[in-house]
N, C-alpha and C. Protein backbone atom coordinates (compact mmCIF):
# COMPACT_ATOMS: atom_id res chain seq x y z
N UNK A 1 2.21 13.74 23.69
CA UNK A 1 2.52 13.11 24.97
C UNK A 1 1.49 13.47 26.03
N UNK A 2 1.04 14.72 26.04
CA UNK A 2 0.07 15.14 27.04
C UNK A 2 -1.25 14.38 26.88
N UNK A 3 -1.68 14.18 25.62
CA UNK A 3 -2.93 13.44 25.38
C UNK A 3 -2.80 12.00 25.87
N UNK A 4 -1.64 11.38 25.65
CA UNK A 4 -1.44 10.01 26.12
C UNK A 4 -1.49 9.95 27.64
N UNK A 5 -0.85 10.90 28.29
CA UNK A 5 -0.85 10.91 29.74
C UNK A 5 -2.26 11.07 30.30
N UNK A 6 -3.05 11.88 29.61
CA UNK A 6 -4.41 12.15 30.09
C UNK A 6 -5.39 11.03 29.76
N UNK A 7 -5.28 10.44 28.56
CA UNK A 7 -6.30 9.50 28.10
C UNK A 7 -5.85 8.04 28.03
N UNK A 8 -4.57 7.78 28.04
CA UNK A 8 -3.98 6.43 27.97
C UNK A 8 -4.13 5.73 26.62
N UNK A 9 -5.18 6.06 25.88
CA UNK A 9 -5.37 5.51 24.53
C UNK A 9 -5.71 6.66 23.60
N UNK A 10 -4.90 6.79 22.55
CA UNK A 10 -5.11 7.87 21.59
C UNK A 10 -5.12 7.26 20.19
N UNK A 11 -6.08 7.71 19.38
CA UNK A 11 -6.23 7.26 18.00
C UNK A 11 -5.90 8.43 17.09
N UNK A 12 -4.86 8.27 16.27
CA UNK A 12 -4.50 9.28 15.28
C UNK A 12 -5.07 8.82 13.94
N UNK A 13 -5.97 9.62 13.37
CA UNK A 13 -6.58 9.23 12.10
C UNK A 13 -6.30 10.28 11.04
N UNK A 14 -6.36 9.85 9.79
CA UNK A 14 -6.17 10.75 8.66
C UNK A 14 -5.95 9.96 7.39
N UNK A 15 -6.04 10.66 6.29
CA UNK A 15 -5.84 10.01 4.99
C UNK A 15 -4.43 9.46 4.87
N UNK A 16 -4.23 8.47 4.00
CA UNK A 16 -2.87 7.97 3.76
C UNK A 16 -1.97 9.12 3.31
N UNK A 17 -0.77 9.16 3.88
CA UNK A 17 0.20 10.18 3.50
C UNK A 17 0.15 11.46 4.30
N UNK A 18 -0.77 11.54 5.28
CA UNK A 18 -0.87 12.76 6.07
C UNK A 18 0.14 12.83 7.21
N UNK A 19 0.85 11.75 7.45
CA UNK A 19 1.90 11.78 8.46
C UNK A 19 1.56 11.13 9.78
N UNK A 20 0.62 10.20 9.79
CA UNK A 20 0.22 9.54 11.03
C UNK A 20 1.38 8.75 11.64
N UNK A 21 2.02 7.94 10.82
CA UNK A 21 3.13 7.13 11.33
C UNK A 21 4.32 8.00 11.72
N UNK A 22 4.55 9.06 10.97
CA UNK A 22 5.63 9.98 11.30
C UNK A 22 5.35 10.65 12.64
N UNK A 23 4.11 11.06 12.87
CA UNK A 23 3.75 11.65 14.16
C UNK A 23 3.96 10.64 15.28
N UNK A 24 3.58 9.40 15.03
CA UNK A 24 3.80 8.35 16.03
C UNK A 24 5.29 8.18 16.32
N UNK A 25 6.13 8.26 15.29
CA UNK A 25 7.59 8.17 15.48
C UNK A 25 8.09 9.32 16.34
N UNK A 26 7.59 10.51 16.09
CA UNK A 26 8.00 11.67 16.88
C UNK A 26 7.56 11.53 18.33
N UNK A 27 6.36 11.02 18.55
CA UNK A 27 5.88 10.78 19.91
C UNK A 27 6.76 9.74 20.60
N UNK A 28 7.11 8.69 19.86
CA UNK A 28 7.98 7.65 20.40
C UNK A 28 9.34 8.23 20.80
N UNK A 29 9.91 9.07 19.96
CA UNK A 29 11.19 9.70 20.28
C UNK A 29 11.09 10.53 21.56
N UNK A 30 10.02 11.32 21.67
CA UNK A 30 9.83 12.13 22.88
C UNK A 30 9.62 11.25 24.10
N UNK A 31 8.89 10.15 23.91
CA UNK A 31 8.65 9.22 25.02
C UNK A 31 9.96 8.61 25.50
N UNK A 32 10.83 8.25 24.58
CA UNK A 32 12.14 7.68 24.96
C UNK A 32 12.95 8.70 25.74
N UNK A 33 12.91 9.95 25.29
CA UNK A 33 13.67 11.00 25.95
C UNK A 33 13.11 11.36 27.32
N UNK A 34 11.82 11.11 27.53
CA UNK A 34 11.16 11.52 28.78
C UNK A 34 11.58 10.69 29.98
N UNK A 35 12.00 9.46 29.74
CA UNK A 35 12.37 8.58 30.84
C UNK A 35 11.17 8.00 31.58
N UNK A 36 9.97 8.21 31.06
CA UNK A 36 8.74 7.74 31.70
C UNK A 36 8.53 6.24 31.51
N UNK A 37 9.01 5.72 30.40
CA UNK A 37 8.70 4.34 30.02
C UNK A 37 9.90 3.41 30.12
N UNK A 38 9.62 2.16 30.49
CA UNK A 38 10.63 1.10 30.49
C UNK A 38 10.55 0.27 29.23
N UNK A 39 9.37 0.23 28.60
CA UNK A 39 9.18 -0.60 27.43
C UNK A 39 8.45 0.12 26.32
N UNK A 40 8.85 -0.20 25.09
CA UNK A 40 8.23 0.36 23.89
C UNK A 40 7.93 -0.78 22.93
N UNK A 41 6.72 -0.77 22.39
CA UNK A 41 6.31 -1.81 21.45
C UNK A 41 5.67 -1.15 20.24
N UNK A 42 6.16 -1.50 19.05
CA UNK A 42 5.60 -0.98 17.80
C UNK A 42 5.12 -2.18 17.00
N UNK A 43 3.82 -2.25 16.76
CA UNK A 43 3.26 -3.36 16.00
C UNK A 43 2.53 -2.82 14.78
N UNK A 44 2.80 -3.44 13.65
CA UNK A 44 2.02 -3.12 12.46
C UNK A 44 0.72 -3.90 12.55
N UNK A 45 -0.39 -3.18 12.40
CA UNK A 45 -1.70 -3.83 12.44
C UNK A 45 -2.37 -3.76 11.08
N UNK A 46 -1.55 -3.69 10.03
CA UNK A 46 -2.08 -3.59 8.67
C UNK A 46 -2.79 -4.86 8.23
N UNK A 47 -2.45 -5.98 8.86
CA UNK A 47 -3.10 -7.25 8.52
C UNK A 47 -3.05 -8.16 9.74
N UNK A 48 -3.84 -9.21 9.70
CA UNK A 48 -3.84 -10.17 10.80
C UNK A 48 -2.47 -10.82 10.96
N UNK A 49 -1.82 -11.13 9.85
CA UNK A 49 -0.48 -11.74 9.91
C UNK A 49 0.51 -10.79 10.57
N UNK A 50 0.43 -9.51 10.24
CA UNK A 50 1.35 -8.53 10.83
C UNK A 50 1.16 -8.41 12.34
N UNK A 51 -0.08 -8.30 12.77
CA UNK A 51 -0.33 -8.13 14.20
C UNK A 51 0.05 -9.39 14.97
N UNK A 52 -0.21 -10.56 14.39
CA UNK A 52 0.18 -11.81 15.05
C UNK A 52 1.70 -11.92 15.16
N UNK A 53 2.40 -11.53 14.10
CA UNK A 53 3.87 -11.55 14.15
C UNK A 53 4.39 -10.59 15.20
N UNK A 54 3.77 -9.42 15.30
CA UNK A 54 4.19 -8.44 16.30
C UNK A 54 3.95 -8.93 17.72
N UNK A 55 2.81 -9.55 17.95
CA UNK A 55 2.50 -10.08 19.28
C UNK A 55 3.46 -11.22 19.62
N UNK A 56 3.75 -12.06 18.65
CA UNK A 56 4.72 -13.14 18.88
C UNK A 56 6.08 -12.57 19.26
N UNK A 57 6.50 -11.53 18.55
CA UNK A 57 7.80 -10.89 18.84
C UNK A 57 7.79 -10.28 20.24
N UNK A 58 6.67 -9.67 20.63
CA UNK A 58 6.55 -9.13 21.99
C UNK A 58 6.70 -10.25 23.01
N UNK A 59 6.04 -11.37 22.78
CA UNK A 59 6.13 -12.51 23.70
C UNK A 59 7.56 -13.00 23.80
N UNK A 60 8.24 -13.05 22.67
CA UNK A 60 9.64 -13.50 22.67
C UNK A 60 10.52 -12.52 23.45
N UNK A 61 10.36 -11.22 23.18
CA UNK A 61 11.16 -10.20 23.86
C UNK A 61 10.89 -10.18 25.37
N UNK A 62 9.65 -10.42 25.75
CA UNK A 62 9.27 -10.41 27.17
C UNK A 62 9.51 -11.77 27.84
N UNK A 63 10.06 -12.71 27.07
CA UNK A 63 10.37 -14.06 27.56
C UNK A 63 9.12 -14.75 28.14
N UNK A 64 8.06 -14.69 27.36
CA UNK A 64 6.78 -15.27 27.78
C UNK A 64 6.43 -16.55 27.04
N UNK A 65 7.30 -17.01 26.16
CA UNK A 65 7.02 -18.22 25.38
C UNK A 65 7.49 -19.45 26.14
N UNK A 66 6.67 -19.88 27.09
CA UNK A 66 7.00 -21.04 27.92
C UNK A 66 6.99 -22.33 27.11
N UNK A 67 6.13 -22.38 26.12
CA UNK A 67 5.97 -23.59 25.32
C UNK A 67 6.08 -23.20 23.85
N UNK A 68 6.97 -23.87 23.14
CA UNK A 68 7.17 -23.53 21.72
C UNK A 68 5.98 -23.90 20.86
N UNK A 69 5.02 -24.62 21.43
CA UNK A 69 3.85 -25.04 20.67
C UNK A 69 2.60 -24.22 21.03
N UNK A 70 2.80 -23.07 21.64
CA UNK A 70 1.66 -22.22 21.99
C UNK A 70 1.00 -21.72 20.72
N UNK A 71 -0.32 -21.75 20.71
CA UNK A 71 -1.02 -21.23 19.53
C UNK A 71 -1.15 -19.71 19.63
N UNK A 72 -1.57 -19.12 18.54
CA UNK A 72 -1.64 -17.67 18.43
C UNK A 72 -2.51 -17.05 19.51
N UNK A 73 -3.64 -17.66 19.78
CA UNK A 73 -4.56 -17.10 20.78
C UNK A 73 -3.96 -17.15 22.17
N UNK A 74 -3.27 -18.21 22.51
CA UNK A 74 -2.61 -18.30 23.82
C UNK A 74 -1.50 -17.28 23.95
N UNK A 75 -0.75 -17.08 22.88
CA UNK A 75 0.32 -16.08 22.91
C UNK A 75 -0.27 -14.69 23.12
N UNK A 76 -1.34 -14.40 22.40
CA UNK A 76 -2.02 -13.10 22.56
C UNK A 76 -2.48 -12.92 24.02
N UNK A 77 -3.08 -13.94 24.57
CA UNK A 77 -3.60 -13.87 25.95
C UNK A 77 -2.46 -13.66 26.95
N UNK A 78 -1.36 -14.37 26.79
CA UNK A 78 -0.22 -14.26 27.70
C UNK A 78 0.38 -12.86 27.63
N UNK A 79 0.53 -12.33 26.42
CA UNK A 79 1.09 -10.98 26.27
C UNK A 79 0.15 -9.95 26.87
N UNK A 80 -1.12 -10.07 26.60
CA UNK A 80 -2.09 -9.12 27.14
C UNK A 80 -2.10 -9.16 28.67
N UNK A 81 -2.04 -10.34 29.26
CA UNK A 81 -1.97 -10.47 30.73
C UNK A 81 -0.73 -9.78 31.28
N UNK A 82 0.39 -9.96 30.60
CA UNK A 82 1.64 -9.33 31.06
C UNK A 82 1.55 -7.82 30.96
N UNK A 83 1.01 -7.32 29.86
CA UNK A 83 0.86 -5.86 29.70
C UNK A 83 -0.08 -5.30 30.76
N UNK A 84 -1.07 -6.07 31.15
CA UNK A 84 -2.02 -5.60 32.17
C UNK A 84 -1.43 -5.63 33.57
N UNK A 85 -0.33 -6.35 33.76
CA UNK A 85 0.34 -6.39 35.06
C UNK A 85 1.44 -5.34 35.17
N UNK A 86 2.07 -5.03 34.06
CA UNK A 86 3.22 -4.12 34.08
C UNK A 86 2.79 -2.67 33.86
N UNK A 87 3.64 -1.76 34.25
CA UNK A 87 3.43 -0.33 34.03
C UNK A 87 4.63 0.24 33.29
N UNK A 88 4.50 1.49 32.89
CA UNK A 88 5.59 2.24 32.25
C UNK A 88 5.95 1.71 30.87
N UNK A 89 4.93 1.51 30.03
CA UNK A 89 5.19 1.10 28.65
C UNK A 89 4.30 1.88 27.70
N UNK A 90 4.75 1.95 26.45
CA UNK A 90 4.01 2.59 25.36
C UNK A 90 3.94 1.59 24.22
N UNK A 91 2.73 1.33 23.75
CA UNK A 91 2.53 0.45 22.60
C UNK A 91 1.90 1.25 21.47
N UNK A 92 2.51 1.13 20.29
CA UNK A 92 1.98 1.78 19.09
C UNK A 92 1.45 0.70 18.16
N UNK A 93 0.19 0.83 17.79
CA UNK A 93 -0.44 -0.07 16.83
C UNK A 93 -0.63 0.75 15.56
N UNK A 94 0.22 0.50 14.59
CA UNK A 94 0.29 1.32 13.38
C UNK A 94 -0.54 0.72 12.25
N UNK A 95 -1.23 1.58 11.54
CA UNK A 95 -2.00 1.20 10.35
C UNK A 95 -3.15 0.23 10.65
N UNK A 96 -3.95 0.56 11.62
CA UNK A 96 -5.10 -0.27 11.96
C UNK A 96 -6.21 -0.02 10.94
N UNK A 97 -6.49 -1.03 10.16
CA UNK A 97 -7.58 -0.94 9.19
C UNK A 97 -8.80 -1.74 9.64
N UNK A 98 -8.59 -2.71 10.50
CA UNK A 98 -9.67 -3.58 10.96
C UNK A 98 -9.67 -3.58 12.49
N UNK A 99 -10.65 -2.95 13.08
CA UNK A 99 -10.73 -2.83 14.54
C UNK A 99 -10.77 -4.19 15.22
N UNK A 100 -11.32 -5.20 14.54
CA UNK A 100 -11.41 -6.53 15.14
C UNK A 100 -10.04 -7.13 15.43
N UNK A 101 -9.01 -6.68 14.74
CA UNK A 101 -7.67 -7.20 14.98
C UNK A 101 -7.09 -6.74 16.32
N UNK A 102 -7.56 -5.61 16.83
CA UNK A 102 -6.96 -5.06 18.05
C UNK A 102 -7.91 -4.91 19.22
N UNK A 103 -9.21 -4.93 19.00
CA UNK A 103 -10.13 -4.60 20.10
C UNK A 103 -10.01 -5.55 21.28
N UNK A 104 -9.59 -6.78 21.05
CA UNK A 104 -9.38 -7.72 22.15
C UNK A 104 -7.93 -7.75 22.62
N UNK A 105 -7.17 -6.74 22.21
CA UNK A 105 -5.76 -6.66 22.61
C UNK A 105 -5.50 -5.33 23.32
N UNK A 106 -6.48 -4.86 24.05
CA UNK A 106 -6.35 -3.60 24.78
C UNK A 106 -6.17 -3.91 26.26
N UNK A 107 -4.97 -3.66 26.80
CA UNK A 107 -4.72 -3.90 28.22
C UNK A 107 -5.58 -2.99 29.10
N UNK A 108 -5.68 -3.35 30.36
CA UNK A 108 -6.46 -2.54 31.29
C UNK A 108 -5.88 -1.13 31.36
N UNK A 109 -6.77 -0.17 31.59
CA UNK A 109 -6.40 1.24 31.55
C UNK A 109 -6.17 1.78 32.96
N UNK A 110 -4.98 1.61 33.43
CA UNK A 110 -4.58 2.22 34.68
C UNK A 110 -3.06 2.28 34.70
N UNK A 111 -2.52 3.02 35.61
CA UNK A 111 -1.08 3.17 35.68
C UNK A 111 -0.55 3.90 34.46
N UNK A 112 0.69 3.65 34.16
CA UNK A 112 1.34 4.27 33.01
C UNK A 112 1.43 3.22 31.91
N UNK A 113 0.28 2.99 31.28
CA UNK A 113 0.13 2.03 30.18
C UNK A 113 -0.56 2.78 29.05
N UNK A 114 0.18 3.05 28.02
CA UNK A 114 -0.36 3.90 26.96
C UNK A 114 -0.37 3.19 25.61
N UNK A 115 -1.46 3.38 24.88
CA UNK A 115 -1.62 2.80 23.55
C UNK A 115 -1.90 3.93 22.57
N UNK A 116 -1.10 3.97 21.52
CA UNK A 116 -1.26 4.95 20.44
C UNK A 116 -1.59 4.17 19.18
N UNK A 117 -2.68 4.54 18.52
CA UNK A 117 -3.15 3.82 17.34
C UNK A 117 -3.17 4.78 16.16
N UNK A 118 -2.66 4.33 15.02
CA UNK A 118 -2.80 5.11 13.79
C UNK A 118 -3.73 4.37 12.84
N UNK A 119 -4.58 5.13 12.18
CA UNK A 119 -5.55 4.54 11.25
C UNK A 119 -5.95 5.56 10.20
N UNK A 120 -6.30 5.07 9.03
CA UNK A 120 -6.77 5.99 7.99
C UNK A 120 -8.26 6.29 8.15
N UNK A 121 -8.91 5.53 9.00
CA UNK A 121 -10.35 5.70 9.17
C UNK A 121 -10.66 6.73 10.24
N UNK A 122 -11.54 7.62 9.90
CA UNK A 122 -11.98 8.65 10.85
C UNK A 122 -13.28 8.21 11.51
N UNK A 123 -13.45 6.93 11.56
CA UNK A 123 -14.68 6.31 12.03
C UNK A 123 -14.81 6.41 13.55
N UNK A 124 -15.89 6.98 14.00
CA UNK A 124 -16.14 7.10 15.44
C UNK A 124 -16.26 5.71 16.08
N UNK A 125 -16.67 4.72 15.29
CA UNK A 125 -16.80 3.36 15.80
C UNK A 125 -15.46 2.86 16.36
N UNK A 126 -14.38 3.18 15.68
CA UNK A 126 -13.06 2.74 16.13
C UNK A 126 -12.74 3.36 17.48
N UNK A 127 -12.94 4.66 17.61
CA UNK A 127 -12.64 5.33 18.87
C UNK A 127 -13.51 4.76 20.00
N UNK A 128 -14.78 4.48 19.70
CA UNK A 128 -15.68 3.94 20.71
C UNK A 128 -15.30 2.50 21.09
N UNK A 129 -14.91 1.71 20.10
CA UNK A 129 -14.60 0.30 20.35
C UNK A 129 -13.40 0.14 21.29
N UNK A 130 -12.46 1.06 21.20
CA UNK A 130 -11.29 0.95 22.08
C UNK A 130 -11.29 2.00 23.17
N UNK A 131 -12.33 2.84 23.18
CA UNK A 131 -12.47 3.89 24.19
C UNK A 131 -11.22 4.78 24.20
N UNK A 132 -10.89 5.30 23.03
CA UNK A 132 -9.71 6.14 22.90
C UNK A 132 -10.04 7.57 22.53
N UNK A 133 -9.14 8.47 22.82
CA UNK A 133 -9.28 9.87 22.45
C UNK A 133 -8.79 10.04 21.02
N UNK A 134 -9.49 10.84 20.26
CA UNK A 134 -9.21 10.97 18.83
C UNK A 134 -8.42 12.22 18.49
N UNK A 135 -7.45 12.05 17.59
CA UNK A 135 -6.71 13.16 17.01
C UNK A 135 -6.78 12.97 15.50
N UNK A 136 -7.36 13.91 14.80
CA UNK A 136 -7.51 13.79 13.35
C UNK A 136 -6.51 14.70 12.66
N UNK A 137 -5.70 14.10 11.78
CA UNK A 137 -4.77 14.89 10.97
C UNK A 137 -5.51 15.33 9.72
N UNK A 138 -5.52 16.61 9.50
CA UNK A 138 -6.21 17.14 8.33
C UNK A 138 -5.19 17.44 7.24
N UNK A 139 -5.68 17.61 6.03
CA UNK A 139 -4.81 17.90 4.91
C UNK A 139 -4.09 19.22 5.14
N UNK A 140 -2.89 19.29 4.59
CA UNK A 140 -2.12 20.54 4.67
C UNK A 140 -2.69 21.55 3.68
N UNK A 141 -2.48 22.80 4.00
CA UNK A 141 -2.82 23.86 3.05
C UNK A 141 -1.68 23.97 2.03
N UNK A 142 -1.91 24.71 0.96
CA UNK A 142 -0.86 24.89 -0.03
C UNK A 142 0.35 25.60 0.58
N UNK A 143 0.10 26.57 1.42
CA UNK A 143 1.21 27.28 2.07
C UNK A 143 2.01 26.35 2.98
N UNK A 144 1.32 25.50 3.74
CA UNK A 144 2.01 24.56 4.62
C UNK A 144 2.82 23.55 3.81
N UNK A 145 2.24 23.06 2.72
CA UNK A 145 2.94 22.08 1.88
C UNK A 145 4.16 22.72 1.21
N UNK A 146 4.03 23.95 0.77
CA UNK A 146 5.15 24.66 0.15
C UNK A 146 6.26 24.88 1.18
N UNK A 147 5.89 25.26 2.38
CA UNK A 147 6.87 25.45 3.45
C UNK A 147 7.59 24.14 3.76
N UNK A 148 6.85 23.03 3.80
CA UNK A 148 7.46 21.72 4.04
C UNK A 148 8.48 21.41 2.95
N UNK A 149 8.09 21.62 1.70
CA UNK A 149 9.00 21.38 0.58
C UNK A 149 10.28 22.20 0.77
N UNK A 150 10.12 23.46 1.05
CA UNK A 150 11.29 24.34 1.20
C UNK A 150 12.13 23.94 2.40
N UNK A 151 11.48 23.53 3.48
CA UNK A 151 12.20 23.17 4.70
C UNK A 151 13.09 21.95 4.50
N UNK A 152 12.60 20.97 3.74
CA UNK A 152 13.33 19.72 3.57
C UNK A 152 14.10 19.62 2.26
N UNK A 153 14.04 20.62 1.45
CA UNK A 153 14.72 20.60 0.17
C UNK A 153 16.17 21.01 0.33
N UNK A 154 17.05 20.33 -0.40
CA UNK A 154 18.47 20.70 -0.43
C UNK A 154 18.73 21.81 -1.43
N UNK A 155 17.75 22.08 -2.26
CA UNK A 155 17.95 23.08 -3.30
C UNK A 155 18.15 24.45 -2.70
N UNK A 156 18.92 25.26 -3.41
CA UNK A 156 19.11 26.64 -3.01
C UNK A 156 17.78 27.36 -3.20
N UNK A 157 17.22 27.88 -2.13
CA UNK A 157 15.90 28.49 -2.18
C UNK A 157 15.83 29.70 -3.11
N UNK A 158 16.95 30.38 -3.27
CA UNK A 158 16.95 31.55 -4.14
C UNK A 158 16.79 31.17 -5.61
N UNK A 159 17.18 29.95 -5.96
CA UNK A 159 17.09 29.49 -7.35
C UNK A 159 15.80 28.73 -7.64
N UNK A 160 14.92 28.63 -6.66
CA UNK A 160 13.70 27.87 -6.83
C UNK A 160 12.52 28.81 -7.04
N UNK A 161 11.79 28.56 -8.09
CA UNK A 161 10.61 29.37 -8.41
C UNK A 161 9.45 28.95 -7.50
N UNK A 162 8.90 29.91 -6.77
CA UNK A 162 7.81 29.63 -5.85
C UNK A 162 6.59 29.05 -6.55
N UNK A 163 6.32 29.48 -7.79
CA UNK A 163 5.17 28.95 -8.52
C UNK A 163 5.37 27.49 -8.88
N UNK A 164 6.61 27.12 -9.20
CA UNK A 164 6.90 25.71 -9.52
C UNK A 164 6.67 24.84 -8.30
N UNK A 165 7.12 25.31 -7.15
CA UNK A 165 6.93 24.54 -5.92
C UNK A 165 5.45 24.42 -5.60
N UNK A 166 4.72 25.52 -5.72
CA UNK A 166 3.28 25.50 -5.45
C UNK A 166 2.56 24.52 -6.36
N UNK A 167 2.93 24.51 -7.62
CA UNK A 167 2.31 23.57 -8.57
C UNK A 167 2.64 22.13 -8.22
N UNK A 168 3.90 21.89 -7.87
CA UNK A 168 4.32 20.53 -7.53
C UNK A 168 3.58 20.02 -6.29
N UNK A 169 3.53 20.82 -5.23
CA UNK A 169 2.87 20.33 -4.02
C UNK A 169 1.37 20.15 -4.23
N UNK A 170 0.80 20.94 -5.13
CA UNK A 170 -0.61 20.76 -5.45
C UNK A 170 -0.82 19.43 -6.19
N UNK A 171 0.08 19.13 -7.14
CA UNK A 171 -0.02 17.84 -7.85
C UNK A 171 0.14 16.66 -6.89
N UNK A 172 0.89 16.87 -5.82
CA UNK A 172 1.11 15.81 -4.84
C UNK A 172 0.02 15.78 -3.76
N UNK A 173 -1.02 16.57 -3.95
CA UNK A 173 -2.17 16.55 -3.06
C UNK A 173 -1.92 17.14 -1.69
N UNK A 174 -0.84 17.94 -1.57
CA UNK A 174 -0.48 18.56 -0.29
C UNK A 174 -0.19 17.53 0.80
N UNK A 175 0.17 16.31 0.40
CA UNK A 175 0.44 15.23 1.35
C UNK A 175 1.92 15.22 1.74
N UNK A 176 2.23 15.32 3.03
CA UNK A 176 3.61 15.37 3.47
C UNK A 176 4.44 14.18 2.99
N UNK A 177 3.90 12.99 3.08
CA UNK A 177 4.64 11.80 2.66
C UNK A 177 5.00 11.87 1.18
N UNK A 178 4.05 12.28 0.35
CA UNK A 178 4.30 12.39 -1.10
C UNK A 178 5.36 13.44 -1.38
N UNK A 179 5.34 14.54 -0.67
CA UNK A 179 6.32 15.61 -0.88
C UNK A 179 7.73 15.13 -0.52
N UNK A 180 7.85 14.51 0.64
CA UNK A 180 9.16 14.02 1.08
C UNK A 180 9.66 12.93 0.14
N UNK A 181 8.77 12.02 -0.29
CA UNK A 181 9.19 10.97 -1.22
C UNK A 181 9.63 11.56 -2.55
N UNK A 182 8.94 12.57 -3.02
CA UNK A 182 9.32 13.22 -4.28
C UNK A 182 10.73 13.82 -4.15
N UNK A 183 11.00 14.45 -3.04
CA UNK A 183 12.34 15.02 -2.82
C UNK A 183 13.39 13.92 -2.79
N UNK A 184 13.07 12.78 -2.16
CA UNK A 184 14.01 11.65 -2.12
C UNK A 184 14.28 11.11 -3.52
N UNK A 185 13.23 11.00 -4.31
CA UNK A 185 13.37 10.45 -5.66
C UNK A 185 14.39 11.25 -6.47
N UNK A 186 14.33 12.55 -6.34
CA UNK A 186 15.22 13.41 -7.11
C UNK A 186 16.49 13.77 -6.33
N UNK A 187 16.69 13.13 -5.18
CA UNK A 187 17.92 13.35 -4.43
C UNK A 187 18.10 14.78 -3.96
N UNK A 188 16.99 15.44 -3.72
CA UNK A 188 17.06 16.85 -3.33
C UNK A 188 16.57 17.08 -1.91
N UNK A 189 16.74 16.09 -1.07
CA UNK A 189 16.23 16.22 0.30
C UNK A 189 17.38 16.11 1.28
N UNK A 190 17.34 16.97 2.28
CA UNK A 190 18.28 16.81 3.38
C UNK A 190 17.76 15.70 4.26
N UNK A 191 18.56 15.19 5.14
CA UNK A 191 18.13 14.08 5.99
C UNK A 191 16.92 14.46 6.81
N UNK A 192 15.81 13.73 6.64
CA UNK A 192 14.56 14.06 7.29
C UNK A 192 14.43 13.33 8.61
N UNK A 193 14.71 12.04 8.59
CA UNK A 193 14.44 11.23 9.79
C UNK A 193 15.72 10.90 10.51
C-alpha cells in the first residue's frame, strides 16, 4: 500500500506461481479496509480479449455505455477519460504478458489513482513503458517453502516427517502456488483464502 501511495503505479513481477496475484489480492483487501478508495477494478490482461472484456465491464459498471454500438476503441477511450477525471480508485491489471495491451490504458498520474500490475516478465521495458515502480518476487527458499507447507497444512505437524516435506517442496520448485495446490489436491489444506 505504501508503494502505491508513493508511486501510483506499481509493477509486481516474478515467475509463474510465485504469488503475484495472491499479493495483489492481499493489497486489494487492505485497500478495501483502508477506506481510501471508492472504486476497485480488477482486469485480467492475459489476452487482448480478456482486457477488452474487462474494459467493457468497467464501462458498464460506470454507466458509460451511451451507445450500444460503441466499438472497442471508443469504449476504451471513454473509460480512460472517466478514470482520468475521478479520484480514489485502485485498478489491478493482472497477468500482463503484452505491454501493448495496457500502455495506452494508463490514466493520468495525479490524485488518488493507483494502478497495480502483475506480470511474469522482469523486463525493465515494461516498467519504463508505464513509468511504474517495480517489485520483484523472488523464489522462496527451502525453509520458507517448508514453513508455508506447515502453516497451511491440516496435517498434525508432529506426525509429519520434516524430510518428506522438504523433498516435496523441492519437487514443487519452492513455488507457493504449487504448494498450496498440492495441499488442496490431497485435501490437507486449511482454508487459505
